[in-house]
Amino acid sequence: MAQKRAGSETVVTKLSELMFVDVLRRYLESLPPQTTGWLAGCAIRTWRGHWR
């Protein structure tokens, strides 16, 4: 059985967080302008500069 390398769990955790944020950002960018709700509110163009 392979041994775990130091920090491998941390790397996997951070990578999964980055992937989640990227998927969420891409989804928000694909929403039509008439979409409503709190998640759609995150996609407002005036907010986008603050998220990057």
Protein backbone atom coordinates (compact mmCIF):
# COMPACT_ATOMS: atom_id res chain seq x y z
CA MET A 1 0.00 0.00 0.00
CA ALA A 2 1.34 3.47 -0.90
CA GLN A 3 2.32 5.82 1.89
CA LYS A 4 0.71 9.24 2.21
CA ARG A 5 2.98 12.14 1.44
CA ALA A 6 3.23 15.08 3.82
CA GLY A 7 0.62 17.71 3.01
CA SER A 8 -1.28 15.58 0.49
CA GLU A 9 -4.58 15.92 2.36
CA THR A 10 -4.19 19.70 2.47
CA VAL A 11 -3.48 19.85 -1.25
CA VAL A 12 -6.52 17.73 -2.07
CA THR A 13 -8.73 19.86 0.20
CA LYS A 14 -7.57 23.16 -1.31
CA LEU A 15 -7.83 21.80 -4.85
CA SER A 16 -11.41 20.69 -4.26
CA GLU A 17 -12.25 24.15 -2.86
CA LEU A 18 -10.76 25.83 -5.94
CA MET A 19 -12.67 23.52 -8.25
CA PHE A 20 -15.93 24.25 -6.44
CA VAL A 21 -15.40 28.01 -6.67
CA ASP A 22 -14.54 27.76 -10.37
CA VAL A 23 -17.65 25.67 -11.14
CA LEU A 24 -19.84 28.07 -9.16
CA ARG A 25 -18.35 31.11 -10.91
CA ARG A 26 -18.89 29.55 -14.34
CA TYR A 27 -22.48 28.69 -13.43
CA LEU A 28 -23.17 32.23 -12.25
CA GLU A 29 -21.72 33.66 -15.46
CA SER A 30 -24.06 31.45 -17.50
CA LEU A 31 -27.27 32.60 -15.76
CA PRO A 32 -29.62 34.70 -17.86
CA PRO A 33 -30.12 38.29 -16.60
CA GLN A 34 -33.75 37.68 -15.59
CA THR A 35 -32.82 34.92 -13.10
CA THR A 36 -33.85 35.72 -9.51
CA GLY A 37 -32.85 34.45 -6.09
CA TRP A 38 -29.92 34.86 -3.74
CA LEU A 39 -27.57 32.82 -5.91
CA ALA A 40 -28.44 34.90 -8.95
CA GLY A 41 -27.76 37.97 -6.81
CA CYS A 42 -24.16 36.85 -6.56
CA ALA A 43 -23.93 37.12 -10.34
CA ILE A 44 -24.71 40.85 -10.43
CA ARG A 45 -22.03 42.48 -12.55
CA THR A 46 -21.24 45.16 -9.96
CA TRP A 47 -20.27 42.42 -7.50
CA ARG A 48 -18.05 40.49 -9.89
CA GLY A 49 -15.05 42.75 -9.38
CA HIS A 50 -15.12 42.00 -5.66
CA TRP A 51 -15.05 38.21 -6.13
CA ARG A 52 -11.82 38.04 -8.11
